[in-house]
Amino acid sequence: MIRALKHFRQDETGATSIEYGLIAAIISLVIIGGSGSIRSALWDLFNSILSNMASAA
């Protein structure tokens, strides 16, 4: 039993794929969370440009 536990502790197969999965999940959460604020900022920027162009014409 102790030998099996030592082997389990030292076994690292699949650890890299799990780490890549966690990294991908974190990146996707950041993208999803930031998309609303980015969309709002772009909307404000384009509205500002549009109003400046309309007042210049």
PDB file of N, CA and C in Angstrom:
ATOM      1  N   MET A   1       0.818  -1.191   0.000  1.00  0.00           N
ATOM      2  CA  MET A   1       0.000   0.000   0.000  1.00  0.00           C
ATOM      3  C   MET A   1       0.864   1.258   0.000  1.00  0.00           C
ATOM      4  N   ILE A   2       1.909   1.250   0.798  1.00  0.00           N
ATOM      5  CA  ILE A   2       2.800   2.405   0.864  1.00  0.00           C
ATOM      6  C   ILE A   2       3.505   2.599  -0.470  1.00  0.00           C
ATOM      7  N   ARG A   3       3.890   1.506  -1.117  1.00  0.00           N
ATOM      8  CA  ARG A   3       4.548   1.590  -2.416  1.00  0.00           C
ATOM      9  C   ARG A   3       3.603   2.218  -3.452  1.00  0.00           C
ATOM     10  N   ALA A   4       2.343   1.850  -3.405  1.00  0.00           N
ATOM     11  CA  ALA A   4       1.364   2.413  -4.335  1.00  0.00           C
ATOM     12  C   ALA A   4       1.174   3.911  -4.097  1.00  0.00           C
ATOM     13  N   LEU A   5       1.170   4.322  -2.840  1.00  0.00           N
ATOM     14  CA  LEU A   5       1.031   5.744  -2.536  1.00  0.00           C
ATOM     15  C   LEU A   5       2.252   6.539  -2.988  1.00  0.00           C
ATOM     16  N   LYS A   6       3.451   5.961  -2.816  1.00  0.00           N
ATOM     17  CA  LYS A   6       4.660   6.629  -3.288  1.00  0.00           C
ATOM     18  C   LYS A   6       4.647   6.755  -4.802  1.00  0.00           C
ATOM     19  N   HIS A   7       4.224   5.688  -5.478  1.00  0.00           N
ATOM     20  CA  HIS A   7       4.149   5.723  -6.939  1.00  0.00           C
ATOM     21  C   HIS A   7       3.132   6.774  -7.397  1.00  0.00           C
ATOM     22  N   PHE A   8       1.995   6.860  -6.732  1.00  0.00           N
ATOM     23  CA  PHE A   8       0.971   7.839  -7.085  1.00  0.00           C
ATOM     24  C   PHE A   8       1.489   9.262  -6.896  1.00  0.00           C
ATOM     25  N   ARG A   9       2.232   9.486  -5.823  1.00  0.00           N
ATOM     26  CA  ARG A   9       2.771  10.815  -5.549  1.00  0.00           C
ATOM     27  C   ARG A   9       3.815  11.229  -6.579  1.00  0.00           C
ATOM     28  N   GLN A  10       4.601  10.275  -7.071  1.00  0.00           N
ATOM     29  CA  GLN A  10       5.662  10.580  -8.017  1.00  0.00           C
ATOM     30  C   GLN A  10       5.188  10.583  -9.464  1.00  0.00           C
ATOM     31  N   ASP A  11       4.016  10.047  -9.730  1.00  0.00           N
ATOM     32  CA  ASP A  11       3.503   9.957 -11.094  1.00  0.00           C
ATOM     33  C   ASP A  11       3.035  11.334 -11.559  1.00  0.00           C
ATOM     34  N   GLU A  12       3.644  11.839 -12.633  1.00  0.00           N
ATOM     35  CA  GLU A  12       3.293  13.158 -13.146  1.00  0.00           C
ATOM     36  C   GLU A  12       2.706  13.093 -14.549  1.00  0.00           C
ATOM     37  N   THR A  13       2.289  11.934 -15.004  1.00  0.00           N
ATOM     38  CA  THR A  13       1.706  11.842 -16.337  1.00  0.00           C
ATOM     39  C   THR A  13       0.369  12.556 -16.357  1.00  0.00           C
ATOM     40  N   GLY A  14       0.181  13.370 -17.354  1.00  0.00           N
ATOM     41  CA  GLY A  14      -1.052  14.135 -17.480  1.00  0.00           C
ATOM     42  C   GLY A  14      -1.039  15.463 -16.756  1.00  0.00           C
ATOM     43  N   ALA A  15       0.010  15.733 -15.994  1.00  0.00           N
ATOM     44  CA  ALA A  15       0.060  16.987 -15.240  1.00  0.00           C
ATOM     45  C   ALA A  15       0.147  18.185 -16.175  1.00  0.00           C
ATOM     46  N   THR A  16       0.894  18.054 -17.264  1.00  0.00           N
ATOM     47  CA  THR A  16       1.039  19.163 -18.200  1.00  0.00           C
ATOM     48  C   THR A  16      -0.279  19.495 -18.868  1.00  0.00           C
ATOM     49  N   SER A  17      -1.025  18.484 -19.271  1.00  0.00           N
ATOM     50  CA  SER A  17      -2.305  18.755 -19.926  1.00  0.00           C
ATOM     51  C   SER A  17      -3.300  19.383 -18.958  1.00  0.00           C
ATOM     52  N   ILE A  18      -3.253  18.985 -17.707  1.00  0.00           N
ATOM     53  CA  ILE A  18      -4.126  19.605 -16.706  1.00  0.00           C
ATOM     54  C   ILE A  18      -3.735  21.067 -16.499  1.00  0.00           C
ATOM     55  N   GLU A  19      -2.439  21.347 -16.466  1.00  0.00           N
ATOM     56  CA  GLU A  19      -1.984  22.726 -16.310  1.00  0.00           C
ATOM     57  C   GLU A  19      -2.406  23.576 -17.500  1.00  0.00           C
ATOM     58  N   TYR A  20      -2.263  23.038 -18.715  1.00  0.00           N
ATOM     59  CA  TYR A  20      -2.692  23.781 -19.899  1.00  0.00           C
ATOM     60  C   TYR A  20      -4.194  24.018 -19.877  1.00  0.00           C
ATOM     61  N   GLY A  21      -4.951  23.061 -19.410  1.00  0.00           N
ATOM     62  CA  GLY A  21      -6.399  23.230 -19.296  1.00  0.00           C
ATOM     63  C   GLY A  21      -6.766  24.330 -18.316  1.00  0.00           C
ATOM     64  N   LEU A  22      -6.066  24.372 -17.188  1.00  0.00           N
ATOM     65  CA  LEU A  22      -6.316  25.434 -16.205  1.00  0.00           C
ATOM     66  C   LEU A  22      -5.945  26.806 -16.751  1.00  0.00           C
ATOM     67  N   ILE A  23      -4.829  26.883 -17.466  1.00  0.00           N
ATOM     68  CA  ILE A  23      -4.419  28.155 -18.063  1.00  0.00           C
ATOM     69  C   ILE A  23      -5.455  28.619 -19.081  1.00  0.00           C
ATOM     70  N   ALA A  24      -5.935  27.702 -19.927  1.00  0.00           N
ATOM     71  CA  ALA A  24      -6.952  28.058 -20.923  1.00  0.00           C
ATOM     72  C   ALA A  24      -8.240  28.511 -20.256  1.00  0.00           C
ATOM     73  N   ALA A  25      -8.631  27.868 -19.175  1.00  0.00           N
ATOM     74  CA  ALA A  25      -9.848  28.262 -18.465  1.00  0.00           C
ATOM     75  C   ALA A  25      -9.707  29.654 -17.861  1.00  0.00           C
ATOM     76  N   ILE A  26      -8.562  29.945 -17.280  1.00  0.00           N
ATOM     77  CA  ILE A  26      -8.346  31.264 -16.680  1.00  0.00           C
ATOM     78  C   ILE A  26      -8.337  32.349 -17.753  1.00  0.00           C
ATOM     79  N   ILE A  27      -7.667  32.083 -18.874  1.00  0.00           N
ATOM     80  CA  ILE A  27      -7.631  33.060 -19.962  1.00  0.00           C
ATOM     81  C   ILE A  27      -9.029  33.319 -20.504  1.00  0.00           C
ATOM     82  N   SER A  28      -9.822  32.263 -20.669  1.00  0.00           N
ATOM     83  CA  SER A  28     -11.175  32.455 -21.188  1.00  0.00           C
ATOM     84  C   SER A  28     -12.038  33.241 -20.207  1.00  0.00           C
ATOM     85  N   LEU A  29     -11.869  33.019 -18.908  1.00  0.00           N
ATOM     86  CA  LEU A  29     -12.615  33.803 -17.924  1.00  0.00           C
ATOM     87  C   LEU A  29     -12.230  35.277 -17.968  1.00  0.00           C
ATOM     88  N   VAL A  30     -10.958  35.553 -18.165  1.00  0.00           N
ATOM     89  CA  VAL A  30     -10.503  36.942 -18.261  1.00  0.00           C
ATOM     90  C   VAL A  30     -11.076  37.603 -19.508  1.00  0.00           C
ATOM     91  N   ILE A  31     -11.080  36.880 -20.622  1.00  0.00           N
ATOM     92  CA  ILE A  31     -11.622  37.434 -21.864  1.00  0.00           C
ATOM     93  C   ILE A  31     -13.115  37.701 -21.725  1.00  0.00           C
ATOM     94  N   ILE A  32     -13.842  36.754 -21.177  1.00  0.00           N
ATOM     95  CA  ILE A  32     -15.284  36.924 -21.013  1.00  0.00           C
ATOM     96  C   ILE A  32     -15.581  38.061 -20.031  1.00  0.00           C
ATOM     97  N   GLY A  33     -14.832  38.132 -18.962  1.00  0.00           N
ATOM     98  CA  GLY A  33     -15.054  39.182 -17.970  1.00  0.00           C
ATOM     99  C   GLY A  33     -14.710  40.566 -18.481  1.00  0.00           C
ATOM    100  N   GLY A  34     -13.694  40.664 -19.322  1.00  0.00           N
ATOM    101  CA  GLY A  34     -13.272  41.969 -19.820  1.00  0.00           C
ATOM    102  C   GLY A  34     -13.979  42.420 -21.073  1.00  0.00           C
ATOM    103  N   SER A  35     -14.724  41.534 -21.717  1.00  0.00           N
ATOM    104  CA  SER A  35     -15.339  41.901 -22.992  1.00  0.00           C
ATOM    105  C   SER A  35     -16.397  42.983 -22.827  1.00  0.00           C
ATOM    106  N   GLY A  36     -17.112  42.991 -21.726  1.00  0.00           N
ATOM    107  CA  GLY A  36     -18.131  44.015 -21.504  1.00  0.00           C
ATOM    108  C   GLY A  36     -17.535  45.401 -21.364  1.00  0.00           C
ATOM    109  N   SER A  37     -16.461  45.513 -20.609  1.00  0.00           N
ATOM    110  CA  SER A  37     -15.841  46.820 -20.416  1.00  0.00           C
ATOM    111  C   SER A  37     -15.142  47.296 -21.682  1.00  0.00           C
ATOM    112  N   ILE A  38     -14.571  46.378 -22.437  1.00  0.00           N
ATOM    113  CA  ILE A  38     -13.930  46.752 -23.699  1.00  0.00           C
ATOM    114  C   ILE A  38     -14.981  47.236 -24.687  1.00  0.00           C
ATOM    115  N   ARG A  39     -16.100  46.527 -24.762  1.00  0.00           N
ATOM    116  CA  ARG A  39     -17.171  46.915 -25.676  1.00  0.00           C
ATOM    117  C   ARG A  39     -17.690  48.302 -25.313  1.00  0.00           C
ATOM    118  N   SER A  40     -17.864  48.557 -24.036  1.00  0.00           N
ATOM    119  CA  SER A  40     -18.348  49.860 -23.582  1.00  0.00           C
ATOM    120  C   SER A  40     -17.352  50.965 -23.918  1.00  0.00           C
ATOM    121  N   ALA A  41     -16.076  50.706 -23.717  1.00  0.00           N
ATOM    122  CA  ALA A  41     -15.053  51.708 -24.010  1.00  0.00           C
ATOM    123  C   ALA A  41     -14.993  52.006 -25.503  1.00  0.00           C
ATOM    124  N   LEU A  42     -15.090  50.975 -26.337  1.00  0.00           N
ATOM    125  CA  LEU A  42     -15.087  51.193 -27.786  1.00  0.00           C
ATOM    126  C   LEU A  42     -16.325  51.957 -28.226  1.00  0.00           C
ATOM    127  N   TRP A  43     -17.468  51.636 -27.647  1.00  0.00           N
ATOM    128  CA  TRP A  43     -18.711  52.342 -27.976  1.00  0.00           C
ATOM    129  C   TRP A  43     -18.571  53.837 -27.661  1.00  0.00           C
ATOM    130  N   ASP A  44     -18.024  54.154 -26.494  1.00  0.00           N
ATOM    131  CA  ASP A  44     -17.823  55.554 -26.113  1.00  0.00           C
ATOM    132  C   ASP A  44     -16.831  56.243 -27.043  1.00  0.00           C
ATOM    133  N   LEU A  45     -15.767  55.547 -27.422  1.00  0.00           N
ATOM    134  CA  LEU A  45     -14.766  56.118 -28.316  1.00  0.00           C
ATOM    135  C   LEU A  45     -15.373  56.447 -29.671  1.00  0.00           C
ATOM    136  N   PHE A  46     -16.107  55.508 -30.254  1.00  0.00           N
ATOM    137  CA  PHE A  46     -16.696  55.744 -31.567  1.00  0.00           C
ATOM    138  C   PHE A  46     -17.780  56.816 -31.512  1.00  0.00           C
ATOM    139  N   ASN A  47     -18.532  56.877 -30.435  1.00  0.00           N
ATOM    140  CA  ASN A  47     -19.523  57.948 -30.297  1.00  0.00           C
ATOM    141  C   ASN A  47     -18.853  59.310 -30.188  1.00  0.00           C
ATOM    142  N   SER A  48     -17.731  59.372 -29.498  1.00  0.00           N
ATOM    143  CA  SER A  48     -16.982  60.619 -29.391  1.00  0.00           C
ATOM    144  C   SER A  48     -16.454  61.045 -30.753  1.00  0.00           C
ATOM    145  N   ILE A  49     -15.905  60.106 -31.505  1.00  0.00           N
ATOM    146  CA  ILE A  49     -15.402  60.409 -32.849  1.00  0.00           C
ATOM    147  C   ILE A  49     -16.544  60.879 -33.741  1.00  0.00           C
ATOM    148  N   LEU A  50     -17.677  60.195 -33.668  1.00  0.00           N
ATOM    149  CA  LEU A  50     -18.832  60.555 -34.485  1.00  0.00           C
ATOM    150  C   LEU A  50     -19.337  61.956 -34.146  1.00  0.00           C
ATOM    151  N   SER A  51     -19.414  62.286 -32.880  1.00  0.00           N
ATOM    152  CA  SER A  51     -19.892  63.618 -32.502  1.00  0.00           C
ATOM    153  C   SER A  51     -18.898  64.700 -32.906  1.00  0.00           C
ATOM    154  N   ASN A  52     -17.598  64.408 -32.821  1.00  0.00           N
ATOM    155  CA  ASN A  52     -16.589  65.377 -33.258  1.00  0.00           C
ATOM    156  C   ASN A  52     -16.655  65.593 -34.762  1.00  0.00           C
ATOM    157  N   MET A  53     -16.881  64.531 -35.512  1.00  0.00           N
ATOM    158  CA  MET A  53     -16.991  64.663 -36.967  1.00  0.00           C
ATOM    159  C   MET A  53     -18.260  65.419 -37.346  1.00  0.00           C
ATOM    160  N   ALA A  54     -19.338  65.181 -36.616  1.00  0.00           N
ATOM    161  CA  ALA A  54     -20.601  65.864 -36.917  1.00  0.00           C
ATOM    162  C   ALA A  54     -20.499  67.355 -36.603  1.00  0.00           C
ATOM    163  N   SER A  55     -19.813  67.702 -35.528  1.00  0.00           N
ATOM    164  CA  SER A  55     -19.686  69.120 -35.180  1.00  0.00           C
ATOM    165  C   SER A  55     -18.705  69.842 -36.097  1.00  0.00           C
ATOM    166  N   ALA A  56     -17.753  69.123 -36.680  1.00  0.00           N
ATOM    167  CA  ALA A  56     -16.784  69.734 -37.584  1.00  0.00           C
ATOM    168  C   ALA A  56     -17.380  69.971 -38.969  1.00  0.00           C
ATOM    169  N   ALA A  57     -18.413  69.248 -39.311  1.00  0.00           N
ATOM    170  CA  ALA A  57     -18.989  69.369 -40.659  1.00  0.00           C
ATOM    171  C   ALA A  57     -19.916  70.529 -40.794  1.00  0.00           C
TER     172      ALA A  57
END
